[in-house]
Amino acid sequence: MRDKYTVVQRLEQRGYEILGKGAFSTVMAKPGANTVIRVSSDATFPVYAEWAHSSRYAGWFAPMVYEMHTYKWGHMARVERLDATFHQMRGILELPLDARYSAQQWNKQFPGFSEFVDKVTKAGFCGDWHPGNWMVMRGSDGRAARVVLTDPQGGESCERRRWTYRTLRAA
């Protein structure tokens, strides 16, 4: 496998469907599977996944990664399948995604959310926090039970960038 495009083509030939694409990654799954395959040339995700695992956020505010393989062109990871992005949950997600929704309100629905935001920012994963990179896992009642930051970027100076809850607004 020479590049991620070849990997994506081969997975499609094996019955995997593309669920989403970004600048560096493609997420694929077989119908009905509870995990997805993330094929990416992004160097940040493996570092984020390791940080989330060691910080005990994997499976709560960060995705659970079951296995990962790195190659010269990037990586492939088998990751838990989440239900929807914030964009897709508009009108279903109980919280209004705008700056008026305070940290206390986020913490009420998702205990520990502010602590996670502080720690992930201090760890350097403060870029690309648009609503397509935040996902939801629904509870048995159909409402949002977990929010998950799936794909942040690192390398920015988090000290200079002040994070606000406005970042989560579904524009």
Protein backbone atom coordinates (compact mmCIF):
# COMPACT_ATOMS: atom_id res chain seq x y z
CA MET A 1 0.00 0.00 0.00
CA ARG A 2 1.69 3.12 -1.25
CA ASP A 3 -0.77 5.82 -0.22
CA LYS A 4 -4.09 6.41 1.52
CA TYR A 5 -5.99 6.65 -1.78
CA THR A 6 -4.98 3.10 -2.71
CA VAL A 7 -6.06 1.90 0.76
CA VAL A 8 -9.44 3.61 0.42
CA GLN A 9 -9.98 2.01 -3.01
CA ARG A 10 -9.11 -1.44 -1.67
CA LEU A 11 -11.42 -1.05 1.31
CA GLU A 12 -14.25 0.01 -1.03
CA GLN A 13 -13.63 -3.13 -3.09
CA ARG A 14 -14.02 -5.13 0.14
CA GLY A 15 -17.45 -3.62 0.89
CA TYR A 16 -16.55 -0.65 3.07
CA GLU A 17 -18.52 2.55 2.54
CA ILE A 18 -17.18 6.08 2.95
CA LEU A 19 -18.91 7.77 5.89
CA GLY A 20 -16.93 10.99 5.83
CA LYS A 21 -13.93 12.75 4.32
CA GLY A 22 -11.75 15.59 5.45
CA ALA A 23 -8.59 17.26 4.24
CA PHE A 24 -6.36 14.43 5.49
CA SER A 25 -8.65 11.56 6.45
CA THR A 26 -11.35 9.25 5.16
CA VAL A 27 -13.62 7.34 7.56
CA MET A 28 -15.12 4.09 6.31
CA ALA A 29 -17.21 1.22 7.66
CA LYS A 30 -19.13 -1.82 6.60
CA PRO A 31 -22.90 -1.45 6.98
CA GLY A 32 -24.01 -2.22 10.53
CA ALA A 33 -20.48 -2.33 11.98
CA ASN A 34 -19.88 -0.77 15.40
CA THR A 35 -16.36 0.33 14.47
CA VAL A 36 -14.96 2.43 11.63
CA ILE A 37 -11.66 2.45 9.78
CA ARG A 38 -9.89 5.81 9.74
CA VAL A 39 -7.41 6.13 6.86
CA SER A 40 -5.31 9.25 7.20
CA SER A 41 -2.14 11.06 6.25
CA ASP A 42 -2.54 13.29 9.33
CA ALA A 43 0.30 13.02 11.85
CA THR A 44 -1.65 14.51 14.78
CA PHE A 45 -4.30 11.82 15.32
CA PRO A 46 -1.97 9.07 16.61
CA VAL A 47 -0.51 11.53 19.14
CA TYR A 48 -4.00 12.69 20.18
CA ALA A 49 -5.21 9.07 20.50
CA GLU A 50 -2.25 8.20 22.72
CA TRP A 51 -2.80 11.32 24.85
CA ALA A 52 -6.52 10.53 25.20
CA HIS A 53 -5.78 6.94 26.21
CA SER A 54 -3.14 7.88 28.79
CA SER A 55 -5.34 10.72 30.12
CA ARG A 56 -8.32 8.32 30.38
CA TYR A 57 -10.50 10.33 28.01
CA ALA A 58 -10.64 7.63 25.31
CA GLY A 59 -14.19 6.33 25.15
CA TRP A 60 -15.62 9.44 26.76
CA PHE A 61 -14.62 12.85 25.33
CA ALA A 62 -12.18 11.30 22.84
CA PRO A 63 -12.82 8.34 20.54
CA MET A 64 -11.88 4.84 21.63
CA VAL A 65 -9.14 3.54 19.32
CA TYR A 66 -8.96 -0.26 19.25
CA GLU A 67 -5.92 -0.61 17.01
CA MET A 68 -3.68 1.55 14.88
CA HIS A 69 -1.07 0.82 12.22
CA THR A 70 1.36 3.42 10.94
CA TYR A 71 2.89 3.50 7.48
CA LYS A 72 5.16 5.85 5.54
CA TRP A 73 2.09 7.57 4.06
CA GLY A 74 0.13 7.88 7.34
CA HIS A 75 -1.95 5.53 9.47
CA MET A 76 -5.00 3.29 9.64
CA ALA A 77 -6.98 2.98 12.84
CA ARG A 78 -9.98 0.96 13.95
CA VAL A 79 -12.09 3.33 16.04
CA GLU A 80 -15.47 3.19 17.78
CA ARG A 81 -18.36 4.24 15.57
CA LEU A 82 -20.12 7.37 16.80
CA ASP A 83 -23.65 8.40 15.88
CA ALA A 84 -23.45 11.85 14.31
CA THR A 85 -21.52 15.10 14.00
CA PHE A 86 -22.80 18.27 15.63
CA HIS A 87 -23.86 19.40 12.12
CA GLN A 88 -25.97 16.28 11.70
CA MET A 89 -27.51 16.64 15.17
CA ARG A 90 -28.94 20.12 14.58
CA GLY A 91 -32.48 20.13 15.93
CA ILE A 92 -31.91 16.85 17.78
CA LEU A 93 -29.06 17.80 20.09
CA GLU A 94 -30.52 19.21 23.27
CA LEU A 95 -28.00 22.02 23.70
CA PRO A 96 -28.00 25.16 21.62
CA LEU A 97 -24.56 25.34 20.07
CA ASP A 98 -23.71 28.95 20.61
CA ALA A 99 -21.69 31.19 22.89
CA ARG A 100 -24.63 31.80 25.24
CA TYR A 101 -24.43 28.21 26.44
CA SER A 102 -22.02 28.42 29.36
CA ALA A 103 -19.38 26.03 30.62
CA GLN A 104 -21.64 25.22 33.56
CA GLN A 105 -24.45 24.20 31.20
CA TRP A 106 -22.09 21.98 29.17
CA ASN A 107 -20.82 20.41 32.41
CA LYS A 108 -24.36 19.79 33.61
CA GLN A 109 -25.16 17.67 30.56
CA PHE A 110 -21.63 16.28 30.12
CA PRO A 111 -19.84 16.15 33.51
CA GLY A 112 -16.12 16.88 33.18
CA PHE A 113 -16.44 18.71 29.85
CA SER A 114 -14.66 21.91 30.96
CA GLU A 115 -11.84 19.93 32.53
CA PHE A 116 -11.40 18.01 29.26
CA VAL A 117 -11.34 21.25 27.25
CA ASP A 118 -8.69 22.72 29.56
CA LYS A 119 -6.51 19.59 29.45
CA VAL A 120 -6.77 18.97 25.71
CA THR A 121 -5.89 22.61 25.05
CA LYS A 122 -2.90 22.48 27.40
CA ALA A 123 -1.78 19.31 25.61
CA GLY A 124 -1.64 21.31 22.35
CA PHE A 125 -4.66 19.92 20.48
CA CYS A 126 -6.47 23.21 20.01
CA GLY A 127 -6.98 23.50 16.26
CA ASP A 128 -9.79 22.52 13.89
CA TRP A 129 -12.57 22.38 16.48
CA HIS A 130 -15.42 22.90 14.01
CA PRO A 131 -18.78 21.11 14.50
CA GLY A 132 -17.80 18.43 11.96
CA ASN A 133 -14.98 17.29 14.26
CA TRP A 134 -17.24 17.07 17.31
CA MET A 135 -19.47 14.02 17.37
CA VAL A 136 -22.21 12.62 19.55
CA MET A 137 -22.92 9.19 20.92
CA ARG A 138 -26.63 8.86 21.67
CA GLY A 139 -27.98 7.21 24.76
CA SER A 140 -30.79 4.66 24.81
CA ASP A 141 -33.30 7.54 24.92
CA GLY A 142 -31.94 8.97 21.63
CA ARG A 143 -30.50 12.09 23.24
CA ALA A 144 -26.82 13.00 23.34
CA ALA A 145 -25.09 10.94 26.02
CA ARG A 146 -21.49 11.79 25.06
CA VAL A 147 -19.73 14.47 23.06
CA VAL A 148 -16.47 13.47 21.43
CA LEU A 149 -13.68 15.57 19.91
CA THR A 150 -12.66 13.26 17.08
CA ASP A 151 -10.00 15.00 15.09
CA PRO A 152 -8.24 18.05 16.56
CA GLN A 153 -5.09 19.47 15.07
CA GLY A 154 -1.97 20.19 17.06
CA GLY A 155 1.03 22.37 16.54
CA GLU A 156 -0.70 25.69 17.07
CA SER A 157 0.24 27.81 20.01
CA CYS A 158 -2.65 27.19 22.36
CA GLU A 159 -1.32 29.91 24.63
CA ARG A 160 -2.04 32.56 22.00
CA ARG A 161 -5.36 31.08 20.92
CA ARG A 162 -8.10 31.62 23.48
CA TRP A 163 -10.67 28.87 23.18
CA THR A 164 -14.30 29.82 23.63
CA TYR A 165 -17.52 27.89 23.56
CA ARG A 166 -18.35 29.87 20.41
CA THR A 167 -16.02 27.40 18.64
CA LEU A 168 -18.75 24.77 18.92
CA ARG A 169 -21.44 26.86 17.26
CA ALA A 170 -23.03 24.95 14.41
CA ALA A 171 -22.88 27.63 11.74
